Amino acid sequence: MSTETSSGIGDEERQMARTTAIGLGIWLALTIAAVVLLLLFGDAISSLFV
């Protein structure tokens, strides 16, 4: 009985870790994309506001 309970908790933690890792991966990809876009088009974007 206790092994089933601890196995269920381990599965929940594994799923939560996977969800967190996916979220961090998406956040990192978006951050890198934003930096690349600013490096490529920063002058054009800033000229729109100046």
Protein backbone atom coordinates (compact mmCIF):
# COMPACT_ATOMS: atom_id res chain seq x y z
CA MET A 1 0.00 0.00 0.00
CA SER A 2 2.73 2.47 0.92
CA THR A 3 4.70 1.66 -2.23
CA GLU A 4 1.68 2.56 -4.35
CA THR A 5 1.31 5.86 -2.51
CA SER A 6 5.00 6.79 -2.84
CA SER A 7 4.93 5.74 -6.49
CA GLY A 8 1.98 8.06 -7.08
CA ILE A 9 3.79 10.93 -5.41
CA GLY A 10 6.89 10.24 -7.51
CA ASP A 11 4.81 10.30 -10.69
CA GLU A 12 3.26 13.62 -9.70
CA GLU A 13 6.68 15.10 -8.96
CA ARG A 14 8.04 13.78 -12.25
CA GLN A 15 5.12 15.32 -14.15
CA MET A 16 5.56 18.63 -12.31
CA ALA A 17 9.29 18.64 -13.07
CA ARG A 18 8.60 17.92 -16.74
CA THR A 19 6.04 20.74 -16.92
CA THR A 20 8.47 23.13 -15.23
CA ALA A 21 11.29 22.13 -17.59
CA ILE A 22 9.07 22.67 -20.63
CA GLY A 23 8.00 26.08 -19.33
CA LEU A 24 11.58 27.13 -18.70
CA GLY A 25 12.60 25.89 -22.14
CA ILE A 26 9.87 27.94 -23.79
CA TRP A 27 10.82 30.99 -21.73
CA LEU A 28 14.47 30.60 -22.70
CA ALA A 29 13.62 30.19 -26.40
CA LEU A 30 11.45 33.33 -26.35
CA THR A 31 14.15 35.30 -24.55
CA ILE A 32 16.81 34.25 -27.06
CA ALA A 33 14.46 35.04 -29.95
CA ALA A 34 13.80 38.52 -28.51
CA VAL A 35 17.52 39.21 -28.10
CA VAL A 36 18.26 38.06 -31.66
CA LEU A 37 15.44 40.18 -33.06
CA LEU A 38 16.66 43.23 -31.14
CA LEU A 39 20.20 42.68 -32.38
CA LEU A 40 19.04 42.35 -35.97
CA PHE A 41 16.31 45.00 -36.07
CA GLY A 42 17.15 47.23 -33.08
CA ASP A 43 18.08 50.26 -35.15
CA ALA A 44 14.96 50.01 -37.30
CA ILE A 45 12.72 49.61 -34.26
CA SER A 46 14.32 52.49 -32.36
CA SER A 47 14.01 54.79 -35.40
CA LEU A 48 10.23 54.31 -35.27
CA PHE A 49 10.09 55.89 -31.80
CA VAL A 50 12.66 58.66 -32.19
